[in-house]
Each structure stands twice: as C-alpha cells, then as structure tokens.
C-alpha atoms as a PDB file:
ATOM      1  CA  MET A   1     175.776  93.484 105.909  1.00  0.00           C
ATOM      2  CA  ASN A   2     173.062  96.142 107.305  1.00  0.00           C
ATOM      3  CA  VAL A   3     169.436  95.324 106.573  1.00  0.00           C
ATOM      4  CA  ALA A   4     167.230  98.365 105.794  1.00  0.00           C
ATOM      5  CA  TYR A   5     164.185  98.562 108.463  1.00  0.00           C
ATOM      6  CA  TYR A   6     160.698  99.718 106.905  1.00  0.00           C
ATOM      7  CA  SER A   7     157.847 100.572 108.913  1.00  0.00           C
ATOM      8  CA  ALA A   8     154.097  99.154 108.036  1.00  0.00           C
ATOM      9  CA  ASP A   9     153.335 102.747 106.783  1.00  0.00           C
ATOM     10  CA  GLN A  10     156.068 102.733 104.365  1.00  0.00           C
ATOM     11  CA  ILE A  11     155.585  98.881 103.319  1.00  0.00           C
ATOM     12  CA  GLN A  12     152.025  99.842 102.874  1.00  0.00           C
ATOM     13  CA  GLN A  13     152.902 102.890 100.690  1.00  0.00           C
ATOM     14  CA  ALA A  14     155.241 100.570  98.533  1.00  0.00           C
ATOM     15  CA  ARG A  15     152.188  98.056  97.943  1.00  0.00           C
ATOM     16  CA  GLU A  16     150.279 101.298  96.740  1.00  0.00           C
ATOM     17  CA  ILE A  17     152.642 101.725  93.917  1.00  0.00           C
ATOM     18  CA  ASP A  18     151.315 100.722  90.409  1.00  0.00           C
ATOM     19  CA  LEU A  19     153.584  98.442  87.924  1.00  0.00           C
ATOM     20  CA  LEU A  20     153.258 101.440  85.250  1.00  0.00           C
ATOM     21  CA  THR A  21     153.728 104.246  87.174  1.00  0.00           C
ATOM     22  CA  TYR A  22     156.971 102.666  88.760  1.00  0.00           C
ATOM     23  CA  LEU A  23     158.113 101.530  85.389  1.00  0.00           C
ATOM     24  CA  ARG A  24     157.806 104.920  83.820  1.00  0.00           C
ATOM     25  CA  LYS A  25     159.695 106.216  86.546  1.00  0.00           C
ATOM     26  CA  THR A  26     162.674 103.992  86.820  1.00  0.00           C
ATOM     27  CA  ASP A  27     162.839 101.891  83.335  1.00  0.00           C
ATOM     28  CA  PRO A  28     160.603 103.486  80.716  1.00  0.00           C
ATOM     29  CA  GLY A  29     162.419 102.083  78.038  1.00  0.00           C
ATOM     30  CA  ASN A  30     161.196  98.572  78.902  1.00  0.00           C
ATOM     31  CA  LEU A  31     157.639  99.501  78.613  1.00  0.00           C
ATOM     32  CA  VAL A  32     155.927  99.008  75.301  1.00  0.00           C
ATOM     33  CA  HIS A  33     152.491 100.383  74.276  1.00  0.00           C
ATOM     34  CA  VAL A  34     150.251  97.503  73.072  1.00  0.00           C
ATOM     35  CA  SER A  35     147.131  99.287  72.905  1.00  0.00           C
ATOM     36  CA  GLY A  36     144.753 101.586  74.464  1.00  0.00           C
ATOM     37  CA  GLY A  37     145.537 101.609  78.218  1.00  0.00           C
ATOM     38  CA  GLU A  38     147.503  98.004  78.041  1.00  0.00           C
ATOM     39  CA  TYR A  39     151.325  97.797  78.050  1.00  0.00           C
ATOM     40  CA  CYS A  40     153.693  95.006  78.121  1.00  0.00           C
ATOM     41  CA  THR A  41     157.652  94.912  78.839  1.00  0.00           C
ATOM     42  CA  ARG A  42     160.549  94.392  76.190  1.00  0.00           C
ATOM     43  CA  GLU A  43     161.627  91.960  78.354  1.00  0.00           C
ATOM     44  CA  HIS A  44     158.545  89.804  78.677  1.00  0.00           C
ATOM     45  CA  ASP A  45     156.036  90.241  75.856  1.00  0.00           C
ATOM     46  CA  SER A  46     153.561  88.041  77.311  1.00  0.00           C
ATOM     47  CA  LEU A  47     153.763  90.230  80.630  1.00  0.00           C
ATOM     48  CA  LYS A  48     150.710  92.483  80.238  1.00  0.00           C
ATOM     49  CA  ILE A  49     150.168  95.843  82.442  1.00  0.00           C
ATOM     50  CA  SER A  50     146.342  97.067  82.398  1.00  0.00           C
ATOM     51  CA  HIS A  51     144.197  98.782  84.705  1.00  0.00           C
ATOM     52  CA  GLY A  52     146.600  99.063  87.683  1.00  0.00           C
ATOM     53  CA  LYS A  53     147.318  95.192  87.580  1.00  0.00           C
ATOM     54  CA  TRP A  54     149.868  93.056  85.586  1.00  0.00           C
ATOM     55  CA  MET A  55     149.578  89.598  84.233  1.00  0.00           C
ATOM     56  CA  TRP A  56     152.563  87.354  83.007  1.00  0.00           C
ATOM     57  CA  TRP A  57     150.126  85.131  80.693  1.00  0.00           C
ATOM     58  CA  SER A  58     152.836  82.594  79.759  1.00  0.00           C
ATOM     59  CA  ARG A  59     153.664  81.839  83.414  1.00  0.00           C
ATOM     60  CA  GLY A  60     149.967  82.224  84.646  1.00  0.00           C
ATOM     61  CA  PHE A  61     150.385  84.452  87.453  1.00  0.00           C
ATOM     62  CA  GLY A  62     150.169  88.276  88.032  1.00  0.00           C
ATOM     63  CA  GLY A  63     150.017  90.973  90.718  1.00  0.00           C
ATOM     64  CA  ALA A  64     148.505  94.407  91.723  1.00  0.00           C
ATOM     65  CA  SER A  65     151.703  96.280  92.296  1.00  0.00           C
ATOM     66  CA  ALA A  66     155.284  96.844  91.727  1.00  0.00           C
ATOM     67  CA  LEU A  67     156.182  95.340  94.605  1.00  0.00           C
ATOM     68  CA  ASP A  68     154.480  92.045  93.533  1.00  0.00           C
ATOM     69  CA  TYR A  69     156.533  92.400  90.266  1.00  0.00           C
ATOM     70  CA  LEU A  70     159.902  92.867  91.534  1.00  0.00           C
ATOM     71  CA  ILE A  71     159.406  89.876  93.911  1.00  0.00           C
ATOM     72  CA  LYS A  72     157.466  87.297  91.788  1.00  0.00           C
ATOM     73  CA  VAL A  73     159.314  88.301  88.371  1.00  0.00           C
ATOM     74  CA  LYS A  74     162.917  89.717  89.373  1.00  0.00           C
ATOM     75  CA  CYS A  75     162.884  87.370  92.373  1.00  0.00           C
ATOM     76  CA  ILE A  76     164.318  90.138  94.585  1.00  0.00           C
ATOM     77  CA  PRO A  77     164.099  89.967  98.350  1.00  0.00           C
ATOM     78  CA  PHE A  78     161.071  91.581 100.010  1.00  0.00           C
ATOM     79  CA  THR A  79     163.226  94.266 101.807  1.00  0.00           C
ATOM     80  CA  GLU A  80     165.078  95.354  98.982  1.00  0.00           C
ATOM     81  CA  ALA A  81     162.336  95.149  96.703  1.00  0.00           C
ATOM     82  CA  VAL A  82     160.496  97.730  99.057  1.00  0.00           C
ATOM     83  CA  GLY A  83     163.531  99.923  99.022  1.00  0.00           C
ATOM     84  CA  MET A  84     163.539  99.982  95.120  1.00  0.00           C
ATOM     85  CA  VAL A  85     159.940 100.869  94.931  1.00  0.00           C
ATOM     86  CA  LEU A  86     160.428 103.777  97.698  1.00  0.00           C
ATOM     87  CA  GLY A  87     162.832 105.045  95.627  1.00  0.00           C
ATOM     88  CA  THR A  88     165.798 104.739  98.757  1.00  0.00           C
ATOM     89  CA  GLU A  89     167.847 102.188  96.972  1.00  0.00           C
ATOM     90  CA  ALA A  90     170.381 102.980  94.538  1.00  0.00           C
ATOM     91  CA  LYS A  91     169.856  99.731  92.667  1.00  0.00           C
ATOM     92  CA  GLN A  92     167.472  99.671  89.433  1.00  0.00           C
ATOM     93  CA  PRO A  93     165.523  96.786  88.096  1.00  0.00           C
ATOM     94  CA  PRO A  94     168.087  94.711  86.199  1.00  0.00           C
ATOM     95  CA  PHE A  95     166.966  95.204  82.529  1.00  0.00           C
ATOM     96  CA  SER A  96     166.833  98.022  80.490  1.00  0.00           C
ATOM     97  CA  PHE A  97     166.262  99.037  76.784  1.00  0.00           C
ATOM     98  CA  ASP A  98     166.784 101.607  74.572  1.00  0.00           C
ATOM     99  CA  ARG A  99     163.995 102.391  72.613  1.00  0.00           C
ATOM    100  CA  LYS A 100     165.741 104.114  69.603  1.00  0.00           C
ATOM    101  CA  GLY A 101     168.224 100.797  69.440  1.00  0.00           C
ATOM    102  CA  ALA A 102     165.177  98.333  69.738  1.00  0.00           C
ATOM    103  CA  LYS A 103     164.349  96.268  66.796  1.00  0.00           C
ATOM    104  CA  ALA A 104     161.179  94.637  65.748  1.00  0.00           C
ATOM    105  CA  LYS A 105     160.861  91.026  67.007  1.00  0.00           C
ATOM    106  CA  ARG A 106     160.839  87.711  64.904  1.00  0.00           C
ATOM    107  CA  LEU A 107     157.816  85.957  65.784  1.00  0.00           C
ATOM    108  CA  LEU A 108     158.802  82.939  68.002  1.00  0.00           C
ATOM    109  CA  LEU A 109     156.533  79.765  67.386  1.00  0.00           C
ATOM    110  CA  PRO A 110     156.586  76.762  69.391  1.00  0.00           C
ATOM    111  CA  GLU A 111     156.885  73.394  67.487  1.00  0.00           C
ATOM    112  CA  LYS A 112     154.117  71.579  66.012  1.00  0.00           C
ATOM    113  CA  ALA A 113     152.947  68.303  67.759  1.00  0.00           C
ATOM    114  CA  SER A 114     152.557  65.184  65.892  1.00  0.00           C
ATOM    115  CA  ASP A 115     148.922  65.557  65.707  1.00  0.00           C
ATOM    116  CA  ASN A 116     146.104  67.761  66.931  1.00  0.00           C
ATOM    117  CA  HIS A 117     144.316  65.638  69.262  1.00  0.00           C
ATOM    118  CA  ALA A 118     144.032  67.762  72.470  1.00  0.00           C
ATOM    119  CA  ALA A 119     143.434  71.001  70.178  1.00  0.00           C
ATOM    120  CA  LEU A 120     140.438  69.136  68.871  1.00  0.00           C
ATOM    121  CA  ARG A 121     139.205  67.818  71.946  1.00  0.00           C
ATOM    122  CA  TYR A 122     139.511  70.885  73.927  1.00  0.00           C
ATOM    123  CA  LEU A 123     137.870  73.065  71.326  1.00  0.00           C
ATOM    124  CA  THR A 124     135.028  70.686  70.530  1.00  0.00           C
ATOM    125  CA  GLY A 125     134.562  70.677  74.022  1.00  0.00           C
ATOM    126  CA  ARG A 126     133.894  74.302  74.048  1.00  0.00           C
ATOM    127  CA  GLY A 127     131.324  73.488  71.649  1.00  0.00           C
ATOM    128  CA  ILE A 128     132.925  74.481  68.239  1.00  0.00           C
ATOM    129  CA  ASP A 129     132.219  72.755  65.148  1.00  0.00           C
ATOM    130  CA  ARG A 130     134.509  70.113  64.561  1.00  0.00           C
ATOM    131  CA  ARG A 131     134.294  70.570  60.828  1.00  0.00           C
ATOM    132  CA  ILE A 132     134.970  74.321  61.127  1.00  0.00           C
ATOM    133  CA  LEU A 133     138.162  73.474  63.122  1.00  0.00           C
ATOM    134  CA  LYS A 134     139.475  70.880  60.648  1.00  0.00           C
ATOM    135  CA  GLU A 135     139.294  73.446  57.812  1.00  0.00           C
ATOM    136  CA  CYS A 136     141.219  76.069  59.843  1.00  0.00           C
ATOM    137  CA  ILE A 137     143.667  73.569  60.518  1.00  0.00           C
ATOM    138  CA  GLU A 138     144.067  72.162  56.935  1.00  0.00           C
ATOM    139  CA  ARG A 139     144.577  76.434  56.271  1.00  0.00           C
ATOM    140  CA  GLY A 140     147.320  76.469  58.741  1.00  0.00           C
ATOM    141  CA  LEU A 141     145.401  78.772  61.022  1.00  0.00           C
ATOM    142  CA  ILE A 142     145.496  76.470  63.870  1.00  0.00           C
ATOM    143  CA  TYR A 143     147.864  73.940  65.562  1.00  0.00           C
ATOM    144  CA  GLU A 144     148.814  72.057  68.314  1.00  0.00           C
ATOM    145  CA  SER A 145     151.853  72.701  69.899  1.00  0.00           C
ATOM    146  CA  SER A 146     154.702  70.391  71.289  1.00  0.00           C
ATOM    147  CA  PRO A 147     155.583  69.495  74.178  1.00  0.00           C
ATOM    148  CA  SER A 148     153.086  71.547  75.980  1.00  0.00           C
ATOM    149  CA  HIS A 149     150.165  70.627  73.781  1.00  0.00           C
ATOM    150  CA  ASN A 150     148.517  74.307  73.941  1.00  0.00           C
ATOM    151  CA  VAL A 151     146.200  75.470  70.979  1.00  0.00           C
ATOM    152  CA  ILE A 152     147.933  77.718  68.693  1.00  0.00           C
ATOM    153  CA  PHE A 153     145.783  80.632  67.129  1.00  0.00           C
ATOM    154  CA  LEU A 154     147.829  82.006  63.877  1.00  0.00           C
ATOM    155  CA  GLY A 155     147.372  85.608  61.908  1.00  0.00           C
ATOM    156  CA  PHE A 156     148.978  85.999  58.726  1.00  0.00           C
ATOM    157  CA  ASP A 157     150.111  89.349  56.898  1.00  0.00           C
ATOM    158  CA  GLU A 158     148.853  89.972  53.153  1.00  0.00           C
ATOM    159  CA  LYS A 159     152.086  87.937  52.578  1.00  0.00           C
ATOM    160  CA  LYS A 160     150.815  84.932  54.097  1.00  0.00           C
ATOM    161  CA  LYS A 161     153.700  84.977  56.448  1.00  0.00           C
ATOM    162  CA  ALA A 162     152.822  84.342  60.063  1.00  0.00           C
ATOM    163  CA  ARG A 163     152.885  87.408  62.349  1.00  0.00           C
ATOM    164  CA  TYR A 164     150.692  86.542  65.326  1.00  0.00           C
ATOM    165  CA  ALA A 165     150.316  83.609  67.613  1.00  0.00           C
ATOM    166  CA  PHE A 166     148.133  83.465  70.625  1.00  0.00           C
ATOM    167  CA  PHE A 167     148.240  80.186  72.765  1.00  0.00           C
ATOM    168  CA  ARG A 168     145.826  78.525  75.172  1.00  0.00           C
ATOM    169  CA  SER A 169     146.113  75.551  77.215  1.00  0.00           C
ATOM    170  CA  THR A 170     144.135  72.800  76.719  1.00  0.00           C
ATOM    171  CA  GLY A 171     144.253  71.634  80.108  1.00  0.00           C
ATOM    172  CA  LYS A 172     142.860  72.471  83.390  1.00  0.00           C
ATOM    173  CA  ASP A 173     145.098  75.578  83.739  1.00  0.00           C
ATOM    174  CA  ARG A 174     144.004  78.720  82.455  1.00  0.00           C
ATOM    175  CA  ILE A 175     147.322  79.687  80.600  1.00  0.00           C
ATOM    176  CA  MET A 176     146.979  81.741  77.867  1.00  0.00           C
ATOM    177  CA  GLY A 177     148.879  84.622  76.153  1.00  0.00           C
ATOM    178  CA  GLU A 178     150.524  85.683  72.999  1.00  0.00           C
ATOM    179  CA  ALA A 179     153.800  84.409  71.602  1.00  0.00           C
ATOM    180  CA  ALA A 180     156.981  86.485  71.576  1.00  0.00           C
ATOM    181  CA  GLY A 181     157.170  88.949  68.567  1.00  0.00           C
ATOM    182  CA  SER A 182     153.394  88.824  67.898  1.00  0.00           C
ATOM    183  CA  ASP A 183     151.947  91.688  66.052  1.00  0.00           C
ATOM    184  CA  LYS A 184     148.144  92.985  66.955  1.00  0.00           C
ATOM    185  CA  ARG A 185     147.766  94.296  63.640  1.00  0.00           C
ATOM    186  CA  PHE A 186     147.511  90.683  62.158  1.00  0.00           C
ATOM    187  CA  SER A 187     145.392  88.813  64.756  1.00  0.00           C
ATOM    188  CA  PHE A 188     143.788  85.676  64.288  1.00  0.00           C
ATOM    189  CA  ARG A 189     140.796  85.918  61.739  1.00  0.00           C
ATOM    190  CA  ILE A 190     139.086  83.904  58.700  1.00  0.00           C
ATOM    191  CA  GLU A 191     138.728  85.547  55.134  1.00  0.00           C
ATOM    192  CA  GLY A 192     135.700  86.242  54.006  1.00  0.00           C
ATOM    193  CA  PHE A 193     134.018  88.010  51.286  1.00  0.00           C
ATOM    194  CA  GLY A 194     131.741  91.547  50.921  1.00  0.00           C
ATOM    195  CA  ARG A 195     132.105  94.949  52.694  1.00  0.00           C
ATOM    196  CA  ARG A 196     130.657  93.512  56.150  1.00  0.00           C
ATOM    197  CA  ILE A 197     133.313  92.709  58.872  1.00  0.00           C
ATOM    198  CA  HIS A 198     132.592  90.813  61.980  1.00  0.00           C
ATOM    199  CA  VAL A 199     134.504  91.544  65.163  1.00  0.00           C
ATOM    200  CA  PHE A 200     135.225  89.418  68.072  1.00  0.00           C
ATOM    201  CA  GLU A 201     137.385  90.015  71.088  1.00  0.00           C
ATOM    202  CA  GLY A 202     138.896  86.639  70.628  1.00  0.00           C
ATOM    203  CA  ALA A 203     139.577  83.521  68.519  1.00  0.00           C
ATOM    204  CA  ILE A 204     137.303  81.071  70.466  1.00  0.00           C
ATOM    205  CA  ASP A 205     134.352  83.735  70.417  1.00  0.00           C
ATOM    206  CA  LEU A 206     134.979  84.227  66.699  1.00  0.00           C
ATOM    207  CA  LEU A 207     134.893  80.197  66.223  1.00  0.00           C
ATOM    208  CA  SER A 208     132.057  79.889  68.515  1.00  0.00           C
ATOM    209  CA  TYR A 209     129.831  82.531  65.960  1.00  0.00           C
ATOM    210  CA  ALA A 210     130.634  80.804  62.882  1.00  0.00           C
ATOM    211  CA  SER A 211     129.745  77.626  64.676  1.00  0.00           C
ATOM    212  CA  ILE A 212     126.229  78.965  65.260  1.00  0.00           C
ATOM    213  CA  ARG A 213     126.251  79.866  61.567  1.00  0.00           C
ATOM    214  CA  LYS A 214     126.905  76.709  60.450  1.00  0.00           C
ATOM    215  CA  ARG A 215     124.639  74.785  62.439  1.00  0.00           C
ATOM    216  CA  ASN A 216     121.615  77.492  61.646  1.00  0.00           C
ATOM    217  CA  GLY A 217     122.429  76.406  57.862  1.00  0.00           C
ATOM    218  CA  GLU A 218     124.246  79.438  57.470  1.00  0.00           C
ATOM    219  CA  GLU A 219     127.389  80.290  55.403  1.00  0.00           C
ATOM    220  CA  TRP A 220     129.832  80.478  58.488  1.00  0.00           C
ATOM    221  CA  ASN A 221     132.757  81.855  56.246  1.00  0.00           C
ATOM    222  CA  GLU A 222     131.162  83.916  53.785  1.00  0.00           C
ATOM    223  CA  GLU A 223     131.882  87.458  55.168  1.00  0.00           C
ATOM    224  CA  MET A 224     135.262  88.623  57.139  1.00  0.00           C
ATOM    225  CA  LEU A 225     135.554  87.297  60.836  1.00  0.00           C
ATOM    226  CA  LEU A 226     138.232  89.280  62.758  1.00  0.00           C
ATOM    227  CA  SER A 227     139.373  88.674  66.507  1.00  0.00           C
ATOM    228  CA  LEU A 228     141.042  91.817  68.272  1.00  0.00           C
ATOM    229  CA  GLY A 229     143.310  89.491  70.460  1.00  0.00           C
ATOM    230  CA  GLY A 230     141.257  91.180  73.278  1.00  0.00           C
ATOM    231  CA  VAL A 231     139.865  94.778  74.291  1.00  0.00           C
ATOM    232  CA  TYR A 232     141.615  97.270  76.305  1.00  0.00           C
ATOM    233  CA  GLY A 233     141.270 100.987  77.375  1.00  0.00           C
ATOM    234  CA  GLY A 234     138.396 102.576  79.436  1.00  0.00           C
ATOM    235  CA  ALA A 235     135.342 104.333  78.240  1.00  0.00           C
ATOM    236  CA  ASN A 236     136.903 107.491  77.190  1.00  0.00           C
ATOM    237  CA  SER A 237     139.564 105.438  74.939  1.00  0.00           C
ATOM    238  CA  SER A 238     139.999 106.927  71.543  1.00  0.00           C
ATOM    239  CA  LYS A 239     142.521 104.625  70.011  1.00  0.00           C
ATOM    240  CA  LEU A 240     141.140 101.912  67.543  1.00  0.00           C
ATOM    241  CA  PRO A 241     142.134  98.171  68.161  1.00  0.00           C
ATOM    242  CA  ALA A 242     145.302  97.875  65.885  1.00  0.00           C
ATOM    243  CA  ALA A 243     143.773  94.599  64.038  1.00  0.00           C
ATOM    244  CA  LEU A 244     140.560  96.742  63.410  1.00  0.00           C
ATOM    245  CA  GLU A 245     142.646  99.677  62.091  1.00  0.00           C
ATOM    246  CA  HIS A 246     145.154  97.782  60.148  1.00  0.00           C
ATOM    247  CA  TYR A 247     142.085  95.888  58.298  1.00  0.00           C
ATOM    248  CA  LEU A 248     140.162  99.060  57.549  1.00  0.00           C
ATOM    249  CA  ASP A 249     143.245 100.853  56.268  1.00  0.00           C
ATOM    250  CA  SER A 250     143.860  97.712  53.932  1.00  0.00           C
ATOM    251  CA  HIS A 251     140.125  97.011  52.940  1.00  0.00           C
ATOM    252  CA  LEU A 252     139.122 100.461  51.631  1.00  0.00           C
ATOM    253  CA  GLU A 253     135.657  98.780  50.442  1.00  0.00           C
ATOM    254  CA  THR A 254     134.246  98.130  53.743  1.00  0.00           C
ATOM    255  CA  GLU A 255     130.998  99.719  54.347  1.00  0.00           C
ATOM    256  CA  GLU A 256     129.573  97.821  57.531  1.00  0.00           C
ATOM    257  CA  ILE A 257     131.195  96.924  61.019  1.00  0.00           C
ATOM    258  CA  VAL A 258     129.406  94.533  63.048  1.00  0.00           C
ATOM    259  CA  LEU A 259     130.645  94.440  66.793  1.00  0.00           C
ATOM    260  CA  ARG A 260     130.182  91.123  68.554  1.00  0.00           C
ATOM    261  CA  LEU A 261     132.076  91.953  71.950  1.00  0.00           C
ATOM    262  CA  ASP A 262     131.462  90.480  75.111  1.00  0.00           C
ATOM    263  CA  ASP A 263     128.627  91.931  77.269  1.00  0.00           C
ATOM    264  CA  ASP A 264     130.269  93.016  80.532  1.00  0.00           C
ATOM    265  CA  SER A 265     131.852  96.229  81.118  1.00  0.00           C
ATOM    266  CA  ALA A 266     135.181  96.189  79.050  1.00  0.00           C
ATOM    267  CA  GLY A 267     133.045  94.974  76.114  1.00  0.00           C
ATOM    268  CA  ARG A 268     130.852  97.835  76.409  1.00  0.00           C
ATOM    269  CA  ASN A 269     133.491 100.319  76.540  1.00  0.00           C
ATOM    270  CA  ALA A 270     135.114  99.249  73.694  1.00  0.00           C
ATOM    271  CA  VAL A 271     132.099  99.192  71.582  1.00  0.00           C
ATOM    272  CA  ARG A 272     131.391 102.854  72.676  1.00  0.00           C
ATOM    273  CA  SER A 273     135.012 103.724  71.657  1.00  0.00           C
ATOM    274  CA  ILE A 274     135.027 102.055  68.450  1.00  0.00           C
ATOM    275  CA  SER A 275     131.423 103.251  67.152  1.00  0.00           C
ATOM    276  CA  GLY A 276     132.485 106.873  68.690  1.00  0.00           C
ATOM    277  CA  GLY A 277     135.757 107.240  66.323  1.00  0.00           C
ATOM    278  CA  LEU A 278     134.135 105.271  63.276  1.00  0.00           C
ATOM    279  CA  ASN A 279     130.760 105.950  63.341  1.00  0.00           C
ATOM    280  CA  ARG A 280     130.642 108.646  60.792  1.00  0.00           C
ATOM    281  CA  MET A 281     132.771 106.740  58.118  1.00  0.00           C
ATOM    282  CA  TYR A 282     130.974 102.753  58.468  1.00  0.00           C
ATOM    283  CA  ARG A 283     127.627 101.899  59.461  1.00  0.00           C
ATOM    284  CA  ILE A 284     128.284 100.136  62.921  1.00  0.00           C
ATOM    285  CA  ARG A 285     125.916  97.554  64.659  1.00  0.00           C
ATOM    286  CA  ASN A 286     126.556  96.279  67.965  1.00  0.00           C
ATOM    287  CA  GLU A 287     125.610  92.754  68.261  1.00  0.00           C
ATOM    288  CA  PRO A 288     126.395  90.926  71.679  1.00  0.00           C
ATOM    289  CA  PRO A 289     125.512  87.877  72.401  1.00  0.00           C
ATOM    290  CA  SER A 290     121.926  86.953  72.694  1.00  0.00           C
ATOM    291  CA  TYR A 291     122.827  84.609  75.752  1.00  0.00           C
ATOM    292  CA  GLY A 292     125.482  84.719  78.236  1.00  0.00           C
ATOM    293  CA  LYS A 293     128.602  87.044  78.434  1.00  0.00           C
ATOM    294  CA  ASP A 294     130.476  86.175  75.174  1.00  0.00           C
ATOM    295  CA  TYR A 295     129.847  84.065  72.042  1.00  0.00           C
ATOM    296  CA  ASN A 296     131.203  80.813  73.459  1.00  0.00           C
ATOM    297  CA  ASP A 297     128.655  81.403  76.334  1.00  0.00           C
ATOM    298  CA  GLU A 298     125.693  81.600  73.803  1.00  0.00           C
ATOM    299  CA  LEU A 299     127.060  78.691  71.722  1.00  0.00           C
ATOM    300  CA  MET A 300     127.032  76.319  75.032  1.00  0.00           C
ATOM    301  CA  ILE A 301     123.942  77.423  76.062  1.00  0.00           C
ATOM    302  CA  LEU A 302     122.012  76.728  72.781  1.00  0.00           C
ATOM    303  CA  ARG A 303     123.675  73.162  72.894  1.00  0.00           C
ATOM    304  CA  THR A 304     122.364  72.975  76.170  1.00  0.00           C
ATOM    305  CA  MET A 305     118.598  73.906  75.016  1.00  0.00           C
ATOM    306  CA  LYS A 306     119.231  71.472  71.854  1.00  0.00           C
ATOM    307  CA  GLN A 307     119.899  68.676  74.431  1.00  0.00           C
ATOM    308  CA  GLU A 308     117.035  69.703  76.572  1.00  0.00           C
ATOM    309  CA  ARG A 309     114.437  69.908  73.916  1.00  0.00           C
ATOM    310  CA  GLY A 310     115.861  66.901  71.912  1.00  0.00           C
ATOM    311  CA  ASP A 311     115.681  68.609  68.557  1.00  0.00           C
ATOM    312  CA  GLU A 312     118.084  70.470  66.279  1.00  0.00           C
ATOM    313  CA  PHE A 313     120.716  72.700  67.219  1.00  0.00           C
ATOM    314  CA  GLY A 314     119.991  76.453  67.077  1.00  0.00           C
ATOM    315  CA  GLY A 315     116.838  77.325  64.982  1.00  0.00           C
ATOM    316  CA  LYS A 316     115.156  80.681  64.056  1.00  0.00           C
ATOM    317  CA  GLU A 317     112.968  80.373  66.824  1.00  0.00           C
ATOM    318  CA  GLU A 318     115.851  80.389  69.682  1.00  0.00           C
ATOM    319  CA  THR A 319     118.089  82.989  68.100  1.00  0.00           C
ATOM    320  CA  LYS A 320     117.912  86.246  66.404  1.00  0.00           C
ATOM    321  CA  SER A 321     118.996  86.847  62.729  1.00  0.00           C
ATOM    322  CA  ARG A 322     122.484  86.886  61.984  1.00  0.00           C
ATOM    323  CA  SER A 323     122.583  88.319  58.789  1.00  0.00           C
END
C-alpha cells in the first residue's frame, strides 16, 4: 500500500485548521450549536468546541486542531489524518448525522452510589456548607454516582423531571462535563421566591454563595439561584445563555437580575453581553466576587481569614452586603 508523504509545510498547514472549521466543511450534521460560540458533536455531546479549541470533558482531554481530533478521538493514523484535514483523502470522518432526522436525546443519568460520602467530602472540602448540601441531597438536586463516585448536579423542568446533569470528579483528576442528553435550559438551580434572580456560571459557585449567605446569618435560599452551566461567546455575543433565557420566559414577574459571574475575561464578556441584551427590561447588577476569581475562591479566602483571626466566619465587616 502506498503511503502518502506530506512536507513540513503541509503538516503545519493541517495543524492550523481548527475543528469547527473542519466539521462545518466535512460533516456539518455532526455539529450542534450549544450557546454563543460553543458547539458540541452529536456523537459525543460532552466534546465541546469553543474559541478555536476542543475539550472532551467526559474523557478529560482535548486539543487545538482538527488534526488532534482525528488522531485522539477517531484514532486515525497521523498521515491519513493529515490528508483528511488537507482535503486530499476521499475518506470522510466515520460519523455523520442528518439534522432533520435527529431526535431529542433522553437524559442518561449514571447510577446512584449507596451513599454520598465522597461527594460530601469533596464539596465540604471546597468550603460548601454541609447542611446546605444535605438539603440539596434530600431534594434530589445532588447525588454521588456509581461506580465512578462523581458528584452529580441535577436540573429539573416544570414537571419535576430531570432534564440536565453536570458531573464532576471527586478525585484528583479534573474531569467534569454534562451527561448525555442534558438540556442547558434546565441547569442546576435552587428555587427561591421574589422578583430577583442571582446568576452564576456553575453549581459550585452557586453553592459557595449560598454558604457565604448562611454563614453570615442570612437566608441562603430566599431568592432564586441559577447556574448557567458555563458562559461562552465573545464580548460581542448577543445570544442569552439558554438557562437564563428559559427562566425569564417562564417567570414574567422577574424584575432584577444579579450577575455573580467569574471575575475573568469570559465572565466580564458575559456580563456585557447579558446586560446589553436585557438592560431595558430588567434592573441588572454586576456583583463579581469580592475576593478571588469566583465565589468559591471568595468562600475559601473568607474561611482562611476566619482561621487566621480565630473568630466567626464572614461578618459584615469583611464582605460587602449581599442583598
């Protein structure tokens, strides 16, 4: 069998082709638009594509090009993969979906473990209040999976049916992602009351904020707390996160949105995008964490301050009002 030869320049050219561009050209039916500038594939919905890179969350690895994808995910030999990216091979990726024939996926949830010890140990290790966690477990919002012992954060629709699940490893490996069939419109949340909603990027930030409120003597579950399952898109993105859009459509009484997103470029871009799209309809407040990049950072810093001072956690003098 003849083996194709590619020059160093051709190989470099292949390495510069990102996965989104490649799939749009060769296998567009395998692309699913998630939100903003993020996509996943129908074959692997935990394989996310964003900002020129891709990450297969359920497997814990990613890459920066279409070539990486063909080699690592499709297990295609290097030379053949280079040819496929350059368009010189007739063979197409061994998976394609017809958009019109695609049906909504059923949420595939992992089995529950016999107890939640590993999940509680991991989350309390992140500073989250144990009583809040136990209440979430009792309400079916959090559980520990078997046999991997990941912590699972669930989201439900209006009929109390699970429609979203985010998993995170409780071990040393930083493995996390969404369960197959997850619908971001129903991401992890804690139902509250009133006309104000607090918005977070992820479940751990949400629970961290709730813990800060509780330790400061405030009602942690008085108002709606909503996680977005991440934020995506650039500074000029005009698309609302699916979870927030769905909530606002379903809760017409909402008057105020408090954005408690990460204090980094992605979080700040998301704040500008959300504020720009909604500021004529709602009162919008931007409340990034007082310390660190996110609310879990703030929670852990406040805990350290308590330990160093030897007094009560939090307190009005060390953190701004969170009304």
